[in-house]
N, C-alpha and C. Protein backbone atom coordinates (compact mmCIF):
# COMPACT_ATOMS: atom_id res chain seq x y z
N MET A 1 11.97 19.02 5.77
CA MET A 1 12.87 18.35 6.68
C MET A 1 14.32 18.63 6.33
N CYS A 2 14.57 18.94 5.11
CA CYS A 2 15.94 19.20 4.67
C CYS A 2 16.47 20.47 5.31
N GLY A 3 17.67 20.41 5.79
CA GLY A 3 18.28 21.58 6.41
C GLY A 3 19.74 21.70 6.03
N VAL A 4 20.37 22.69 6.57
CA VAL A 4 21.78 22.91 6.25
C VAL A 4 22.63 21.73 6.69
N GLN A 5 22.13 20.95 7.64
CA GLN A 5 22.93 19.85 8.15
C GLN A 5 22.89 18.61 7.25
N ASP A 6 22.03 18.59 6.25
CA ASP A 6 21.90 17.42 5.39
C ASP A 6 22.85 17.51 4.21
N LYS A 7 24.16 17.45 4.50
CA LYS A 7 25.17 17.70 3.48
C LYS A 7 25.85 16.45 2.95
N ASN A 8 25.77 15.36 3.69
CA ASN A 8 26.46 14.14 3.26
C ASN A 8 25.75 12.92 3.81
N ALA A 9 26.20 11.76 3.35
CA ALA A 9 25.55 10.50 3.74
C ALA A 9 25.60 10.30 5.25
N ARG A 10 26.73 10.59 5.86
CA ARG A 10 26.84 10.41 7.32
C ARG A 10 25.80 11.24 8.05
N ASP A 11 25.60 12.49 7.64
CA ASP A 11 24.62 13.35 8.29
C ASP A 11 23.21 12.77 8.17
N LEU A 12 22.88 12.29 6.99
CA LEU A 12 21.55 11.70 6.79
C LEU A 12 21.37 10.43 7.62
N ILE A 13 22.39 9.61 7.65
CA ILE A 13 22.32 8.37 8.42
C ILE A 13 22.16 8.66 9.90
N MET A 14 22.89 9.62 10.40
CA MET A 14 22.78 9.96 11.83
C MET A 14 21.43 10.59 12.14
N HIS A 15 20.88 11.35 11.20
CA HIS A 15 19.54 11.90 11.36
C HIS A 15 18.53 10.75 11.54
N LEU A 16 18.62 9.76 10.65
CA LEU A 16 17.72 8.61 10.74
C LEU A 16 17.91 7.88 12.06
N HIS A 17 19.15 7.68 12.44
CA HIS A 17 19.45 6.99 13.70
C HIS A 17 18.85 7.72 14.90
N GLU A 18 18.98 9.03 14.94
CA GLU A 18 18.43 9.79 16.07
C GLU A 18 16.91 9.69 16.13
N TRP A 19 16.26 9.73 14.97
CA TRP A 19 14.79 9.59 14.96
C TRP A 19 14.39 8.18 15.37
N HIS A 20 15.20 7.19 15.03
CA HIS A 20 14.95 5.83 15.53
C HIS A 20 15.03 5.82 17.05
N LYS A 21 16.09 6.42 17.58
CA LYS A 21 16.27 6.43 19.03
C LYS A 21 15.10 7.11 19.74
N MET A 22 14.60 8.21 19.16
CA MET A 22 13.45 8.89 19.77
C MET A 22 12.24 7.98 19.79
N LEU A 23 11.98 7.29 18.68
CA LEU A 23 10.84 6.39 18.61
C LEU A 23 10.99 5.26 19.63
N ILE A 24 12.16 4.67 19.69
CA ILE A 24 12.41 3.57 20.62
C ILE A 24 12.18 4.01 22.06
N ASP A 25 12.75 5.14 22.42
CA ASP A 25 12.62 5.66 23.78
C ASP A 25 11.15 5.94 24.12
N TRP A 26 10.47 6.63 23.24
CA TRP A 26 9.05 6.97 23.43
C TRP A 26 8.20 5.71 23.54
N HIS A 27 8.41 4.79 22.64
CA HIS A 27 7.66 3.53 22.63
C HIS A 27 7.89 2.76 23.92
N ASP A 28 9.14 2.55 24.28
CA ASP A 28 9.46 1.73 25.44
C ASP A 28 8.94 2.33 26.73
N LYS A 29 9.10 3.62 26.90
CA LYS A 29 8.61 4.26 28.12
C LYS A 29 7.09 4.14 28.23
N ASN A 30 6.39 4.45 27.15
CA ASN A 30 4.93 4.38 27.19
C ASN A 30 4.42 2.95 27.34
N MET A 31 5.07 2.00 26.71
CA MET A 31 4.66 0.60 26.87
C MET A 31 4.86 0.13 28.31
N ALA A 32 5.83 0.73 29.01
CA ALA A 32 6.09 0.39 30.41
C ALA A 32 5.18 1.16 31.37
N GLY A 33 4.30 1.99 30.83
CA GLY A 33 3.37 2.73 31.67
C GLY A 33 3.81 4.12 32.06
N GLU A 34 4.98 4.52 31.60
CA GLU A 34 5.48 5.87 31.88
C GLU A 34 4.93 6.81 30.81
N VAL A 35 4.47 7.96 31.22
CA VAL A 35 3.98 8.94 30.25
C VAL A 35 5.17 9.69 29.66
N ALA A 36 5.36 9.54 28.37
CA ALA A 36 6.49 10.18 27.70
C ALA A 36 6.02 10.79 26.39
N THR A 37 6.58 11.94 26.07
CA THR A 37 6.28 12.57 24.78
C THR A 37 7.28 12.07 23.75
N PHE A 38 6.90 12.18 22.49
CA PHE A 38 7.79 11.69 21.43
C PHE A 38 9.04 12.53 21.32
N LEU A 39 8.87 13.83 21.28
CA LEU A 39 10.02 14.73 21.13
C LEU A 39 10.69 14.97 22.48
N PRO A 40 11.99 15.17 22.48
CA PRO A 40 12.70 15.46 23.73
C PRO A 40 12.20 16.76 24.37
N ASP A 41 12.38 16.85 25.67
CA ASP A 41 12.02 18.07 26.40
C ASP A 41 12.67 19.29 25.75
N GLY A 42 11.89 20.34 25.66
CA GLY A 42 12.40 21.58 25.10
C GLY A 42 12.16 21.73 23.61
N PHE A 43 11.62 20.69 22.97
CA PHE A 43 11.35 20.74 21.54
C PHE A 43 9.88 20.48 21.26
N SER A 44 9.40 21.04 20.16
CA SER A 44 8.02 20.81 19.72
C SER A 44 8.07 20.49 18.23
N TRP A 45 6.93 20.14 17.66
CA TRP A 45 6.91 19.85 16.22
C TRP A 45 7.30 21.09 15.42
N LYS A 46 7.04 22.25 15.97
CA LYS A 46 7.43 23.49 15.28
C LYS A 46 8.93 23.73 15.33
N THR A 47 9.61 23.14 16.30
CA THR A 47 11.05 23.36 16.45
C THR A 47 11.87 22.15 15.99
N THR A 48 11.30 21.29 15.16
CA THR A 48 12.09 20.15 14.70
C THR A 48 13.34 20.56 13.92
N PRO A 49 13.35 21.70 13.19
CA PRO A 49 14.62 22.08 12.56
C PRO A 49 15.73 22.29 13.61
N GLU A 50 15.39 22.88 14.73
CA GLU A 50 16.37 23.08 15.80
C GLU A 50 16.79 21.74 16.40
N LEU A 51 15.83 20.83 16.54
CA LEU A 51 16.14 19.50 17.06
C LEU A 51 17.09 18.77 16.11
N ASN A 52 16.80 18.82 14.82
CA ASN A 52 17.68 18.18 13.85
C ASN A 52 19.07 18.80 13.85
N LYS A 53 19.16 20.09 14.03
CA LYS A 53 20.47 20.77 14.12
C LYS A 53 21.21 20.31 15.38
N PHE A 54 20.47 20.17 16.49
CA PHE A 54 21.05 19.67 17.74
C PHE A 54 21.65 18.28 17.52
N PHE A 55 20.91 17.40 16.84
CA PHE A 55 21.44 16.07 16.53
C PHE A 55 22.70 16.18 15.67
N TRP A 56 22.62 17.00 14.63
CA TRP A 56 23.75 17.16 13.71
C TRP A 56 25.01 17.60 14.46
N ASP A 57 24.86 18.56 15.36
CA ASP A 57 26.00 19.06 16.13
C ASP A 57 26.66 17.94 16.93
N ASN A 58 25.89 16.98 17.41
CA ASN A 58 26.41 15.91 18.25
C ASN A 58 27.16 14.83 17.49
N TYR A 59 27.07 14.82 16.16
CA TYR A 59 27.65 13.71 15.41
C TYR A 59 28.69 14.11 14.39
N GLN A 60 29.27 15.25 14.53
CA GLN A 60 30.25 15.69 13.55
C GLN A 60 31.57 14.93 13.62
N ASN A 61 31.79 14.22 14.70
CA ASN A 61 33.03 13.44 14.83
C ASN A 61 32.81 11.95 14.61
N VAL A 62 31.64 11.57 14.11
CA VAL A 62 31.32 10.17 13.84
C VAL A 62 31.68 9.86 12.38
N SER A 63 32.35 8.75 12.17
CA SER A 63 32.72 8.35 10.80
C SER A 63 31.50 7.77 10.09
N LEU A 64 31.58 7.72 8.78
CA LEU A 64 30.51 7.11 8.00
C LEU A 64 30.35 5.64 8.37
N ALA A 65 31.43 4.94 8.57
CA ALA A 65 31.36 3.52 8.94
C ALA A 65 30.64 3.33 10.27
N GLU A 66 30.96 4.16 11.25
CA GLU A 66 30.32 4.08 12.56
C GLU A 66 28.84 4.46 12.44
N ALA A 67 28.54 5.47 11.64
CA ALA A 67 27.15 5.88 11.43
C ALA A 67 26.33 4.73 10.87
N LYS A 68 26.89 4.01 9.91
CA LYS A 68 26.18 2.87 9.32
C LYS A 68 25.91 1.80 10.36
N LYS A 69 26.87 1.53 11.24
CA LYS A 69 26.69 0.55 12.30
C LYS A 69 25.58 0.98 13.26
N LEU A 70 25.59 2.26 13.63
CA LEU A 70 24.57 2.77 14.54
C LEU A 70 23.18 2.67 13.93
N LEU A 71 23.08 3.02 12.65
CA LEU A 71 21.78 2.95 11.98
C LEU A 71 21.30 1.50 11.88
N ALA A 72 22.17 0.60 11.54
CA ALA A 72 21.78 -0.81 11.45
C ALA A 72 21.26 -1.32 12.79
N LYS A 73 21.94 -0.92 13.86
CA LYS A 73 21.53 -1.36 15.20
C LYS A 73 20.18 -0.76 15.58
N SER A 74 19.98 0.53 15.36
CA SER A 74 18.70 1.14 15.75
C SER A 74 17.56 0.64 14.86
N HIS A 75 17.85 0.38 13.59
CA HIS A 75 16.83 -0.19 12.70
C HIS A 75 16.41 -1.57 13.22
N ALA A 76 17.37 -2.39 13.59
CA ALA A 76 17.06 -3.72 14.11
C ALA A 76 16.23 -3.63 15.38
N GLU A 77 16.54 -2.66 16.23
CA GLU A 77 15.76 -2.47 17.46
C GLU A 77 14.31 -2.09 17.15
N ILE A 78 14.12 -1.26 16.15
CA ILE A 78 12.75 -0.89 15.76
C ILE A 78 12.02 -2.10 15.21
N MET A 79 12.68 -2.90 14.40
CA MET A 79 12.04 -4.08 13.83
C MET A 79 11.62 -5.07 14.93
N LYS A 80 12.44 -5.21 15.97
CA LYS A 80 12.07 -6.08 17.10
C LYS A 80 10.77 -5.60 17.74
N ARG A 81 10.67 -4.29 17.92
CA ARG A 81 9.47 -3.74 18.54
C ARG A 81 8.24 -3.92 17.65
N LEU A 82 8.42 -3.71 16.38
CA LEU A 82 7.30 -3.91 15.45
C LEU A 82 6.77 -5.33 15.51
N GLN A 83 7.66 -6.28 15.59
CA GLN A 83 7.26 -7.68 15.61
C GLN A 83 6.48 -8.05 16.87
N ASN A 84 6.58 -7.24 17.90
CA ASN A 84 5.85 -7.51 19.14
C ASN A 84 4.44 -6.95 19.14
N HIS A 85 4.03 -6.32 18.04
CA HIS A 85 2.70 -5.73 17.95
C HIS A 85 1.88 -6.40 16.86
N THR A 86 0.60 -6.51 17.12
CA THR A 86 -0.32 -7.02 16.11
C THR A 86 -0.69 -5.88 15.16
N ASP A 87 -1.25 -6.23 14.01
CA ASP A 87 -1.74 -5.21 13.09
C ASP A 87 -2.78 -4.33 13.77
N GLU A 88 -3.62 -4.95 14.61
CA GLU A 88 -4.64 -4.17 15.33
C GLU A 88 -3.99 -3.13 16.23
N GLU A 89 -2.98 -3.53 16.96
CA GLU A 89 -2.28 -2.59 17.84
C GLU A 89 -1.60 -1.48 17.04
N LEU A 90 -1.08 -1.81 15.90
CA LEU A 90 -0.35 -0.83 15.10
C LEU A 90 -1.26 0.13 14.34
N PHE A 91 -2.40 -0.36 13.87
CA PHE A 91 -3.17 0.45 12.93
C PHE A 91 -4.59 0.82 13.36
N THR A 92 -4.92 0.57 14.63
CA THR A 92 -6.20 1.02 15.16
C THR A 92 -5.98 2.35 15.87
N LYS A 93 -6.70 3.38 15.40
CA LYS A 93 -6.57 4.69 16.03
C LYS A 93 -7.00 4.60 17.49
N LYS A 94 -6.23 5.28 18.33
CA LYS A 94 -6.48 5.36 19.77
C LYS A 94 -6.38 4.00 20.48
N TYR A 95 -5.75 3.01 19.83
CA TYR A 95 -5.54 1.73 20.50
C TYR A 95 -4.74 1.96 21.79
N TYR A 96 -3.71 2.80 21.66
CA TYR A 96 -2.95 3.24 22.82
C TYR A 96 -3.27 4.72 23.02
N ASP A 97 -3.67 5.09 24.21
CA ASP A 97 -4.02 6.49 24.44
C ASP A 97 -2.84 7.43 24.25
N TRP A 98 -1.62 6.94 24.43
CA TRP A 98 -0.43 7.78 24.33
C TRP A 98 -0.03 8.09 22.89
N THR A 99 -0.73 7.52 21.90
CA THR A 99 -0.44 7.88 20.52
C THR A 99 -1.36 8.99 20.03
N GLY A 100 -2.27 9.43 20.89
CA GLY A 100 -3.20 10.49 20.51
C GLY A 100 -4.11 10.03 19.39
N THR A 101 -4.30 10.86 18.40
CA THR A 101 -5.19 10.51 17.29
C THR A 101 -4.46 9.79 16.16
N THR A 102 -3.18 9.56 16.33
CA THR A 102 -2.37 8.88 15.33
C THR A 102 -2.17 7.43 15.74
N THR A 103 -2.07 6.54 14.78
CA THR A 103 -1.81 5.15 15.13
C THR A 103 -0.35 4.95 15.48
N LEU A 104 -0.09 3.92 16.25
CA LEU A 104 1.30 3.57 16.57
C LEU A 104 2.06 3.25 15.29
N GLY A 105 1.39 2.56 14.38
CA GLY A 105 2.03 2.21 13.11
C GLY A 105 2.47 3.43 12.33
N ALA A 106 1.69 4.50 12.39
CA ALA A 106 2.06 5.72 11.67
C ALA A 106 3.37 6.30 12.20
N TYR A 107 3.59 6.19 13.50
CA TYR A 107 4.87 6.65 14.07
C TYR A 107 6.02 5.80 13.55
N PHE A 108 5.81 4.48 13.51
CA PHE A 108 6.86 3.59 13.01
C PHE A 108 7.15 3.87 11.53
N ILE A 109 6.10 4.07 10.74
CA ILE A 109 6.27 4.38 9.32
C ILE A 109 7.04 5.69 9.15
N SER A 110 6.67 6.69 9.93
CA SER A 110 7.32 7.99 9.83
C SER A 110 8.81 7.90 10.14
N ALA A 111 9.16 7.13 11.16
CA ALA A 111 10.56 7.04 11.58
C ALA A 111 11.37 6.05 10.75
N THR A 112 10.70 5.28 9.90
CA THR A 112 11.43 4.30 9.09
C THR A 112 11.19 4.56 7.60
N SER A 113 10.24 3.90 7.02
CA SER A 113 10.10 3.92 5.56
C SER A 113 9.92 5.32 4.98
N SER A 114 9.12 6.15 5.60
CA SER A 114 8.95 7.52 5.09
C SER A 114 10.25 8.30 5.19
N HIS A 115 10.95 8.13 6.29
CA HIS A 115 12.24 8.81 6.48
C HIS A 115 13.28 8.25 5.51
N TYR A 116 13.24 6.94 5.28
CA TYR A 116 14.20 6.33 4.36
C TYR A 116 13.98 6.85 2.94
N ASP A 117 12.72 7.00 2.56
CA ASP A 117 12.40 7.54 1.24
C ASP A 117 12.97 8.95 1.09
N TRP A 118 12.75 9.78 2.10
CA TRP A 118 13.27 11.16 2.11
C TRP A 118 14.80 11.15 1.97
N ALA A 119 15.46 10.32 2.78
CA ALA A 119 16.92 10.28 2.76
C ALA A 119 17.44 9.76 1.41
N GLY A 120 16.76 8.77 0.86
CA GLY A 120 17.18 8.24 -0.44
C GLY A 120 17.11 9.29 -1.53
N LYS A 121 16.07 10.08 -1.52
CA LYS A 121 15.94 11.16 -2.51
C LYS A 121 17.05 12.19 -2.36
N LEU A 122 17.38 12.53 -1.12
CA LEU A 122 18.48 13.48 -0.90
C LEU A 122 19.82 12.89 -1.34
N LEU A 123 20.03 11.62 -1.07
CA LEU A 123 21.28 11.00 -1.49
C LEU A 123 21.42 11.01 -3.02
N LYS A 124 20.33 10.79 -3.71
CA LYS A 124 20.36 10.83 -5.18
C LYS A 124 20.73 12.24 -5.65
N LYS A 125 20.16 13.26 -5.00
CA LYS A 125 20.49 14.64 -5.37
C LYS A 125 21.97 14.94 -5.10
N MET A 126 22.49 14.41 -4.00
CA MET A 126 23.89 14.64 -3.64
C MET A 126 24.84 14.02 -4.67
N LYS A 127 24.43 12.90 -5.25
CA LYS A 127 25.28 12.20 -6.23
C LYS A 127 25.40 12.98 -7.54
N LYS A 128 24.41 13.82 -7.83
CA LYS A 128 24.42 14.56 -9.10
C LYS A 128 25.44 15.66 -9.11
């Protein structure tokens, strides 16, 4: 996941924020009955480096303070959505047909705690 764009805290924070936004958009559309894919049009799991670069390009004029505010807001939005689901809804495979063979909870974990762990490790490396 690490790329040339992961050079400072702001870049990592905006990366996390964008992945939050993708999850929120995908979740909300599918919960409303609209068929939506997780990744934006024109991208696939094989092209996530290009997607991450696209996000990076869009946030080069955002300050670290603003990035932190955006991340806090998108994190709170994800937590609201999580609270609206039962453990069964989150962790039963194929509970929602739009999650494919992956659980909804796995998507939330990927966009939050797993991503936070990755970013934390990179931040520690940056401090050295």
